[in-house]
C-alpha atoms as a PDB file:
ATOM      1  CA  MET A   1       0.175  -0.018  -0.023  1.00  0.00           C
ATOM      2  CA  GLY A   2       1.167   3.571  -0.381  1.00  0.00           C
ATOM      3  CA  ILE A   3      -0.146   7.045  -1.751  1.00  0.00           C
ATOM      4  CA  ALA A   4       0.005   8.131  -5.163  1.00  0.00           C
ATOM      5  CA  VAL A   5      -0.747  11.245  -7.389  1.00  0.00           C
ATOM      6  CA  VAL A   6      -2.105  10.693 -11.000  1.00  0.00           C
ATOM      7  CA  THR A   7      -2.661  13.586 -13.279  1.00  0.00           C
ATOM      8  CA  GLY A   8      -5.106  13.336 -16.107  1.00  0.00           C
ATOM      9  CA  GLY A   9      -6.470  10.696 -13.678  1.00  0.00           C
ATOM     10  CA  ALA A  10     -10.229  11.047 -14.532  1.00  0.00           C
ATOM     11  CA  GLN A  11     -10.164   9.346 -18.040  1.00  0.00           C
ATOM     12  CA  GLY A  12      -8.277   6.671 -20.037  1.00  0.00           C
ATOM     13  CA  ILE A  13      -4.789   5.603 -19.000  1.00  0.00           C
ATOM     14  CA  GLY A  14      -4.937   7.859 -15.869  1.00  0.00           C
ATOM     15  CA  ARG A  15      -8.103   6.390 -14.818  1.00  0.00           C
ATOM     16  CA  ALA A  16      -6.904   2.926 -15.485  1.00  0.00           C
ATOM     17  CA  CYS A  17      -3.870   3.621 -13.195  1.00  0.00           C
ATOM     18  CA  VAL A  18      -6.004   5.236 -10.239  1.00  0.00           C
ATOM     19  CA  GLU A  19      -8.327   2.216 -10.460  1.00  0.00           C
ATOM     20  CA  HIS A  20      -5.659  -0.227 -10.579  1.00  0.00           C
ATOM     21  CA  PHE A  21      -4.057   1.133  -7.118  1.00  0.00           C
ATOM     22  CA  LEU A  22      -6.976   1.781  -5.520  1.00  0.00           C
ATOM     23  CA  ARG A  23      -7.851  -1.988  -5.705  1.00  0.00           C
ATOM     24  CA  LYS A  24      -4.273  -2.848  -4.439  1.00  0.00           C
ATOM     25  CA  GLY A  25      -5.353  -0.498  -1.206  1.00  0.00           C
ATOM     26  CA  TRP A  26      -3.360   2.538  -2.203  1.00  0.00           C
ATOM     27  CA  ARG A  27      -4.621   6.142  -0.968  1.00  0.00           C
ATOM     28  CA  LEU A  28      -5.088   7.976  -4.685  1.00  0.00           C
ATOM     29  CA  ALA A  29      -5.143  11.531  -5.727  1.00  0.00           C
ATOM     30  CA  ALA A  30      -6.664  12.085  -8.934  1.00  0.00           C
ATOM     31  CA  ILE A  31      -5.831  15.599 -10.492  1.00  0.00           C
ATOM     32  CA  ASP A  32      -7.811  16.261 -13.948  1.00  0.00           C
ATOM     33  CA  ARG A  33      -9.027  19.521 -15.576  1.00  0.00           C
ATOM     34  CA  ASP A  34     -12.525  17.890 -16.805  1.00  0.00           C
ATOM     35  CA  GLY A  35     -14.915  18.109 -13.477  1.00  0.00           C
ATOM     36  CA  GLU A  36     -17.466  15.892 -15.458  1.00  0.00           C
ATOM     37  CA  ALA A  37     -14.975  13.283 -15.831  1.00  0.00           C
ATOM     38  CA  LEU A  38     -14.041  13.739 -12.104  1.00  0.00           C
ATOM     39  CA  GLU A  39     -17.658  13.253 -11.155  1.00  0.00           C
ATOM     40  CA  ASP A  40     -17.783  10.006 -13.288  1.00  0.00           C
ATOM     41  CA  LEU A  41     -14.577   8.476 -11.363  1.00  0.00           C
ATOM     42  CA  ALA A  42     -15.578   9.242  -7.802  1.00  0.00           C
ATOM     43  CA  ARG A  43     -19.140   7.370  -8.568  1.00  0.00           C
ATOM     44  CA  GLU A  44     -17.723   4.321 -10.439  1.00  0.00           C
ATOM     45  CA  ALA A  45     -13.945   4.005  -8.947  1.00  0.00           C
ATOM     46  CA  PRO A  46     -13.329   0.781  -6.868  1.00  0.00           C
ATOM     47  CA  ALA A  47     -13.844   1.537  -3.133  1.00  0.00           C
ATOM     48  CA  GLY A  48     -11.154   3.181  -1.216  1.00  0.00           C
ATOM     49  CA  ASP A  49      -9.376   6.499  -0.447  1.00  0.00           C
ATOM     50  CA  LEU A  50      -9.727   8.814  -3.388  1.00  0.00           C
ATOM     51  CA  LEU A  51      -9.102  12.320  -3.389  1.00  0.00           C
ATOM     52  CA  PRO A  52     -10.617  14.071  -6.909  1.00  0.00           C
ATOM     53  CA  LEU A  53      -8.888  17.445  -7.656  1.00  0.00           C
ATOM     54  CA  GLY A  54     -10.140  19.754 -10.427  1.00  0.00           C
ATOM     55  CA  ALA A  55      -6.668  21.610 -11.592  1.00  0.00           C
ATOM     56  CA  ASP A  56      -4.943  22.495 -15.207  1.00  0.00           C
ATOM     57  CA  VAL A  57      -1.688  20.913 -14.627  1.00  0.00           C
ATOM     58  CA  SER A  58      -0.229  23.618 -16.886  1.00  0.00           C
ATOM     59  CA  ASP A  59      -1.369  26.469 -14.519  1.00  0.00           C
ATOM     60  CA  GLU A  60       1.002  27.127 -11.952  1.00  0.00           C
ATOM     61  CA  ASP A  61      -1.485  28.630  -9.298  1.00  0.00           C
ATOM     62  CA  GLY A  62      -3.815  25.707 -10.015  1.00  0.00           C
ATOM     63  CA  VAL A  63      -1.082  23.148  -9.203  1.00  0.00           C
ATOM     64  CA  LYS A  64       0.207  24.915  -6.105  1.00  0.00           C
ATOM     65  CA  ALA A  65      -3.674  24.868  -4.688  1.00  0.00           C
ATOM     66  CA  ALA A  66      -4.301  21.150  -5.771  1.00  0.00           C
ATOM     67  CA  PHE A  67      -1.135  20.323  -3.595  1.00  0.00           C
ATOM     68  CA  GLU A  68      -1.907  22.208  -0.567  1.00  0.00           C
ATOM     69  CA  ARG A  69      -5.176  20.087  -0.535  1.00  0.00           C
ATOM     70  CA  ILE A  70      -2.894  16.861  -1.156  1.00  0.00           C
ATOM     71  CA  ASP A  71      -0.260  17.927   1.606  1.00  0.00           C
ATOM     72  CA  ALA A  72      -3.371  18.283   3.801  1.00  0.00           C
ATOM     73  CA  TRP A  73      -4.961  14.751   2.970  1.00  0.00           C
ATOM     74  CA  ARG A  74      -1.742  12.962   2.910  1.00  0.00           C
ATOM     75  CA  SER A  75      -1.102  14.397   6.460  1.00  0.00           C
ATOM     76  CA  ALA A  76       2.726  13.490   7.501  1.00  0.00           C
ATOM     77  CA  GLU A  77       3.020  10.422   5.154  1.00  0.00           C
ATOM     78  CA  GLY A  78       5.184  11.210   2.084  1.00  0.00           C
ATOM     79  CA  LEU A  79       4.488  10.424  -1.428  1.00  0.00           C
ATOM     80  CA  ASP A  80       5.153   6.884  -2.780  1.00  0.00           C
ATOM     81  CA  LEU A  81       4.237   7.662  -6.473  1.00  0.00           C
ATOM     82  CA  LEU A  82       3.753  10.193  -8.927  1.00  0.00           C
ATOM     83  CA  VAL A  83       2.260   9.420 -12.400  1.00  0.00           C
ATOM     84  CA  ASN A  84       2.644  12.547 -14.755  1.00  0.00           C
ATOM     85  CA  ASN A  85      -0.060  11.503 -17.370  1.00  0.00           C
ATOM     86  CA  ALA A  86      -1.987  14.629 -18.042  1.00  0.00           C
ATOM     87  CA  GLY A  87      -2.051  16.190 -21.500  1.00  0.00           C
ATOM     88  CA  ILE A  88      -3.982  17.048 -24.892  1.00  0.00           C
ATOM     89  CA  ALA A  89      -4.658  13.444 -26.157  1.00  0.00           C
ATOM     90  CA  ASP A  90      -5.297  14.482 -29.570  1.00  0.00           C
ATOM     91  CA  PRO A  91      -1.877  14.497 -31.603  1.00  0.00           C
ATOM     92  CA  GLY A  92      -2.692  16.524 -34.635  1.00  0.00           C
ATOM     93  CA  ASN A  93      -1.904  20.184 -34.949  1.00  0.00           C
ATOM     94  CA  GLY A  94      -2.753  20.647 -38.895  1.00  0.00           C
ATOM     95  CA  PRO A  95       0.059  21.940 -40.940  1.00  0.00           C
ATOM     96  CA  LEU A  96       2.752  23.744 -38.882  1.00  0.00           C
ATOM     97  CA  GLU A  97       2.609  26.919 -41.022  1.00  0.00           C
ATOM     98  CA  GLU A  98      -0.801  27.425 -39.907  1.00  0.00           C
ATOM     99  CA  LEU A  99      -0.274  26.446 -36.420  1.00  0.00           C
ATOM    100  CA  PRO A 100      -1.018  29.619 -33.792  1.00  0.00           C
ATOM    101  CA  LEU A 101       1.789  30.147 -31.533  1.00  0.00           C
ATOM    102  CA  ALA A 102      -1.009  29.888 -28.955  1.00  0.00           C
ATOM    103  CA  GLN A 103      -1.962  26.361 -29.766  1.00  0.00           C
ATOM    104  CA  TRP A 104       1.704  25.134 -29.797  1.00  0.00           C
ATOM    105  CA  ARG A 105       2.129  26.438 -26.483  1.00  0.00           C
ATOM    106  CA  ARG A 106      -1.441  25.057 -25.216  1.00  0.00           C
ATOM    107  CA  ARG A 107      -0.073  21.755 -26.355  1.00  0.00           C
ATOM    108  CA  VAL A 108       3.120  21.717 -25.151  1.00  0.00           C
ATOM    109  CA  ASP A 109       2.297  23.149 -21.734  1.00  0.00           C
ATOM    110  CA  SER A 110      -0.221  20.503 -21.334  1.00  0.00           C
ATOM    111  CA  HIS A 111       2.399  17.678 -21.196  1.00  0.00           C
ATOM    112  CA  LEU A 112       5.822  19.111 -20.691  1.00  0.00           C
ATOM    113  CA  THR A 113       5.338  22.166 -18.483  1.00  0.00           C
ATOM    114  CA  GLY A 114       2.426  20.379 -16.392  1.00  0.00           C
ATOM    115  CA  ALA A 115       5.119  17.805 -15.712  1.00  0.00           C
ATOM    116  CA  PHE A 116       7.436  20.087 -14.500  1.00  0.00           C
ATOM    117  CA  LEU A 117       4.906  21.899 -12.454  1.00  0.00           C
ATOM    118  CA  VAL A 118       3.666  19.065 -10.628  1.00  0.00           C
ATOM    119  CA  THR A 119       7.056  17.509 -10.252  1.00  0.00           C
ATOM    120  CA  ARG A 120       8.262  20.526  -8.542  1.00  0.00           C
ATOM    121  CA  ALA A 121       5.631  20.614  -6.278  1.00  0.00           C
ATOM    122  CA  ALA A 122       5.942  16.566  -5.126  1.00  0.00           C
ATOM    123  CA  ILE A 123       9.503  16.605  -4.636  1.00  0.00           C
ATOM    124  CA  PRO A 124       9.638  17.452  -0.966  1.00  0.00           C
ATOM    125  CA  ALA A 125       7.108  14.475  -0.407  1.00  0.00           C
ATOM    126  CA  LEU A 126       8.416  12.178  -2.917  1.00  0.00           C
ATOM    127  CA  ARG A 127      11.902  12.567  -1.242  1.00  0.00           C
ATOM    128  CA  ALA A 128      10.388  11.939   2.210  1.00  0.00           C
ATOM    129  CA  ALA A 129       9.117   8.504   1.119  1.00  0.00           C
ATOM    130  CA  ARG A 130      11.789   7.539  -1.311  1.00  0.00           C
ATOM    131  CA  GLY A 131       9.138   7.677  -3.894  1.00  0.00           C
ATOM    132  CA  THR A 132       9.069   7.207  -7.578  1.00  0.00           C
ATOM    133  CA  ILE A 133       8.041   9.132 -10.802  1.00  0.00           C
ATOM    134  CA  VAL A 134       6.473   7.712 -13.696  1.00  0.00           C
ATOM    135  CA  ASN A 135       6.225  10.068 -16.792  1.00  0.00           C
ATOM    136  CA  MET A 136       3.770   9.217 -19.978  1.00  0.00           C
ATOM    137  CA  ALA A 137       5.739   9.699 -22.998  1.00  0.00           C
ATOM    138  CA  SER A 138       4.666   8.093 -26.395  1.00  0.00           C
ATOM    139  CA  THR A 139       5.946   6.119 -29.105  1.00  0.00           C
ATOM    140  CA  ARG A 140       5.387   9.504 -30.964  1.00  0.00           C
ATOM    141  CA  ALA A 141       8.542  10.807 -29.390  1.00  0.00           C
ATOM    142  CA  PHE A 142      10.304   8.586 -31.487  1.00  0.00           C
ATOM    143  CA  GLN A 143       8.261   8.459 -34.765  1.00  0.00           C
ATOM    144  CA  SER A 144       5.796  10.765 -36.306  1.00  0.00           C
ATOM    145  CA  GLU A 145       2.722  10.993 -38.712  1.00  0.00           C
ATOM    146  CA  PRO A 146       2.300  14.348 -40.354  1.00  0.00           C
ATOM    147  CA  HIS A 147       1.338  17.304 -38.807  1.00  0.00           C
ATOM    148  CA  THR A 148       2.008  16.139 -35.041  1.00  0.00           C
ATOM    149  CA  GLU A 149       4.770  18.445 -34.547  1.00  0.00           C
ATOM    150  CA  ALA A 150       3.350  20.122 -31.135  1.00  0.00           C
ATOM    151  CA  TYR A 151       2.375  16.600 -29.436  1.00  0.00           C
ATOM    152  CA  ALA A 152       5.889  14.914 -30.581  1.00  0.00           C
ATOM    153  CA  ALA A 153       7.773  17.830 -29.368  1.00  0.00           C
ATOM    154  CA  ALA A 154       6.092  17.910 -26.182  1.00  0.00           C
ATOM    155  CA  LYS A 155       6.397  13.854 -25.883  1.00  0.00           C
ATOM    156  CA  GLY A 156       9.898  14.015 -26.735  1.00  0.00           C
ATOM    157  CA  GLY A 157      10.724  16.514 -24.091  1.00  0.00           C
ATOM    158  CA  ILE A 158       9.065  14.406 -21.502  1.00  0.00           C
ATOM    159  CA  VAL A 159      11.326  11.663 -22.143  1.00  0.00           C
ATOM    160  CA  ALA A 160      14.520  14.165 -21.950  1.00  0.00           C
ATOM    161  CA  LEU A 161      12.814  15.281 -18.735  1.00  0.00           C
ATOM    162  CA  THR A 162      12.999  11.820 -17.436  1.00  0.00           C
ATOM    163  CA  HIS A 163      16.506  11.195 -17.317  1.00  0.00           C
ATOM    164  CA  ALA A 164      17.104  14.678 -16.495  1.00  0.00           C
ATOM    165  CA  LEU A 165      15.316  14.277 -13.368  1.00  0.00           C
ATOM    166  CA  ALA A 166      16.599  10.903 -12.623  1.00  0.00           C
ATOM    167  CA  VAL A 167      20.158  12.280 -12.394  1.00  0.00           C
ATOM    168  CA  SER A 168      18.825  15.191 -10.266  1.00  0.00           C
ATOM    169  CA  LEU A 169      16.759  13.329  -7.798  1.00  0.00           C
ATOM    170  CA  GLY A 170      18.412  10.173  -7.320  1.00  0.00           C
ATOM    171  CA  PRO A 171      19.108   8.327  -5.212  1.00  0.00           C
ATOM    172  CA  GLN A 172      16.085   9.355  -3.184  1.00  0.00           C
ATOM    173  CA  VAL A 173      13.789   9.376  -6.130  1.00  0.00           C
ATOM    174  CA  ARG A 174      13.703   7.243  -9.299  1.00  0.00           C
ATOM    175  CA  VAL A 175      12.311   8.676 -12.324  1.00  0.00           C
ATOM    176  CA  ASN A 176      11.099   6.605 -15.459  1.00  0.00           C
ATOM    177  CA  ALA A 177       8.676   6.842 -18.332  1.00  0.00           C
ATOM    178  CA  ILE A 178       6.385   4.721 -20.305  1.00  0.00           C
ATOM    179  CA  ALA A 179       5.749   5.388 -24.278  1.00  0.00           C
ATOM    180  CA  PRO A 180       2.682   3.840 -24.839  1.00  0.00           C
ATOM    181  CA  GLY A 181       1.812   3.165 -28.589  1.00  0.00           C
ATOM    182  CA  TRP A 182      -1.813   2.461 -29.665  1.00  0.00           C
ATOM    183  CA  ILE A 183      -4.147   2.244 -26.650  1.00  0.00           C
ATOM    184  CA  ASP A 184      -7.877   2.406 -27.010  1.00  0.00           C
ATOM    185  CA  THR A 185      -8.961   4.518 -24.084  1.00  0.00           C
ATOM    186  CA  ALA A 186     -12.498   5.014 -25.343  1.00  0.00           C
ATOM    187  CA  PRO A 187     -14.120   2.618 -22.587  1.00  0.00           C
ATOM    188  CA  LEU A 188     -12.581   4.451 -19.873  1.00  0.00           C
ATOM    189  CA  ALA A 189     -13.714   8.176 -21.199  1.00  0.00           C
ATOM    190  CA  LYS A 190     -16.067  10.060 -19.186  1.00  0.00           C
ATOM    191  CA  ARG A 191     -19.619   8.647 -19.222  1.00  0.00           C
ATOM    192  CA  SER A 192     -20.851  10.987 -21.994  1.00  0.00           C
ATOM    193  CA  ALA A 193     -18.095  10.071 -24.233  1.00  0.00           C
ATOM    194  CA  ARG A 194     -17.701   6.800 -23.575  1.00  0.00           C
ATOM    195  CA  ASP A 195     -17.635   4.425 -26.503  1.00  0.00           C
ATOM    196  CA  THR A 196     -16.652   0.955 -27.751  1.00  0.00           C
ATOM    197  CA  PRO A 197     -14.857   1.154 -31.048  1.00  0.00           C
ATOM    198  CA  GLU A 198     -14.739  -1.567 -33.423  1.00  0.00           C
ATOM    199  CA  HIS A 199     -11.380  -2.442 -34.654  1.00  0.00           C
ATOM    200  CA  ASP A 200     -10.949  -4.937 -37.688  1.00  0.00           C
ATOM    201  CA  ALA A 201      -8.446  -7.725 -37.851  1.00  0.00           C
ATOM    202  CA  GLN A 202      -5.919  -5.556 -39.746  1.00  0.00           C
ATOM    203  CA  ASP A 203      -5.848  -2.903 -36.852  1.00  0.00           C
ATOM    204  CA  HIS A 204      -4.808  -5.886 -34.295  1.00  0.00           C
ATOM    205  CA  ALA A 205      -2.679  -7.636 -36.796  1.00  0.00           C
ATOM    206  CA  GLN A 206      -0.352  -4.405 -36.890  1.00  0.00           C
ATOM    207  CA  HIS A 207       0.811  -5.593 -33.406  1.00  0.00           C
ATOM    208  CA  PRO A 208       3.121  -8.421 -32.996  1.00  0.00           C
ATOM    209  CA  VAL A 209       1.195  -9.541 -30.057  1.00  0.00           C
ATOM    210  CA  GLY A 210      -2.098  -9.461 -31.655  1.00  0.00           C
ATOM    211  CA  ARG A 211      -4.044  -6.728 -30.317  1.00  0.00           C
ATOM    212  CA  ILE A 212      -4.531  -3.032 -29.748  1.00  0.00           C
ATOM    213  CA  GLY A 213      -3.287  -1.923 -26.429  1.00  0.00           C
ATOM    214  CA  LEU A 214      -5.660  -1.222 -23.346  1.00  0.00           C
ATOM    215  CA  PRO A 215      -5.357   1.466 -20.544  1.00  0.00           C
ATOM    216  CA  GLY A 216      -4.894  -1.497 -17.991  1.00  0.00           C
ATOM    217  CA  ASP A 217      -1.622  -2.870 -19.952  1.00  0.00           C
ATOM    218  CA  VAL A 218      -0.151   0.725 -18.843  1.00  0.00           C
ATOM    219  CA  ALA A 219      -1.126   0.675 -15.564  1.00  0.00           C
ATOM    220  CA  ALA A 220       0.305  -2.637 -14.969  1.00  0.00           C
ATOM    221  CA  VAL A 221       3.824  -1.242 -16.189  1.00  0.00           C
ATOM    222  CA  VAL A 222       3.554   1.666 -14.015  1.00  0.00           C
ATOM    223  CA  ASP A 223       2.683  -0.840 -10.862  1.00  0.00           C
ATOM    224  CA  PHE A 224       6.352  -2.531 -11.959  1.00  0.00           C
ATOM    225  CA  LEU A 225       7.989   0.768 -12.403  1.00  0.00           C
ATOM    226  CA  ALA A 226       7.033   1.730  -8.668  1.00  0.00           C
ATOM    227  CA  SER A 227       7.828  -1.677  -7.175  1.00  0.00           C
ATOM    228  CA  ASP A 228      10.667  -2.861  -5.636  1.00  0.00           C
ATOM    229  CA  ALA A 229      11.198  -5.074  -8.765  1.00  0.00           C
ATOM    230  CA  ALA A 230      12.412  -1.715 -10.633  1.00  0.00           C
ATOM    231  CA  ALA A 231      14.568  -0.557  -7.757  1.00  0.00           C
ATOM    232  CA  PHE A 232      17.866  -0.568 -10.297  1.00  0.00           C
ATOM    233  CA  MET A 233      15.978   1.232 -13.046  1.00  0.00           C
ATOM    234  CA  THR A 234      15.701   4.903 -13.298  1.00  0.00           C
ATOM    235  CA  GLY A 235      15.800   7.242 -16.178  1.00  0.00           C
ATOM    236  CA  GLU A 236      14.817   4.934 -18.734  1.00  0.00           C
ATOM    237  CA  THR A 237      11.897   5.248 -21.093  1.00  0.00           C
ATOM    238  CA  LEU A 238       9.850   1.603 -21.502  1.00  0.00           C
ATOM    239  CA  VAL A 239       8.412   1.362 -25.226  1.00  0.00           C
ATOM    240  CA  LEU A 240       4.817  -0.407 -24.615  1.00  0.00           C
ATOM    241  CA  ASP A 241       3.321  -0.797 -28.005  1.00  0.00           C
ATOM    242  CA  GLY A 242       2.655  -4.650 -28.373  1.00  0.00           C
ATOM    243  CA  GLY A 243       6.033  -4.801 -30.860  1.00  0.00           C
ATOM    244  CA  MET A 244       4.434  -2.424 -33.374  1.00  0.00           C
ATOM    245  CA  ALA A 245       7.280  -0.098 -33.825  1.00  0.00           C
ATOM    246  CA  ARG A 246       9.169  -2.990 -34.442  1.00  0.00           C
ATOM    247  CA  ARG A 247       7.655  -4.542 -37.396  1.00  0.00           C
ATOM    248  CA  MET A 248       9.420  -3.548 -40.831  1.00  0.00           C
ATOM    249  CA  ARG A 249       7.305  -1.693 -43.283  1.00  0.00           C
ATOM    250  CA  TYR A 250       7.381  -1.130 -47.121  1.00  0.00           C
ATOM    251  CA  ALA A 251       5.667   1.256 -49.252  1.00  0.00           C
ATOM    252  CA  GLY A 252       3.817  -0.401 -52.023  1.00  0.00           C
END
């Protein structure tokens, strides 16, 4: 058992992490900017000690206020795990020559600046517990589709931030990242947006493991990285894409 903070914790991968650790008896603080999704999480999550917090992780004052509540909630206990998962999920930004600076900044801030602000606020409690940080990168940090520059840059920054933090915060705090590939998050969206998309055989066959990923697959790796089994691992980014990036492709 332990105490964890998960950003973007009300939907998708973040929600899977929250539910996974609640089932294990952990205390969870879930930060999300979507109030409707937080209400759904509070109603539907497994029984346990859950603190839902509405905040935009890219807003410095919002993060400060959230951690004031977290610090009071956790009392004198430290923080065992921080999962920096929040960020705009849609990777497409349109042609770069038409991308407004405000949209670039919004996308980068939602992932990278948010991870910086939340980590900075959590460091004292993480050090006290000799805790772990898991940052959510993406395979898009290493390969791209057209017109995804802001998302790719943000996720590439997450990879670099991960190894920089590992060096700065070690040995008290370990820092690793996960780079998920195609993860079907629709079933864990907020209720009003929840869906059960249909995937054809070709979608699954692109993955050497034979299927598209699920949010629970990512939560299981977060669990490993937070455990003593990963005690000798820090500064690493684990690709979790069912082997998709390893498959050779030729045009034609």
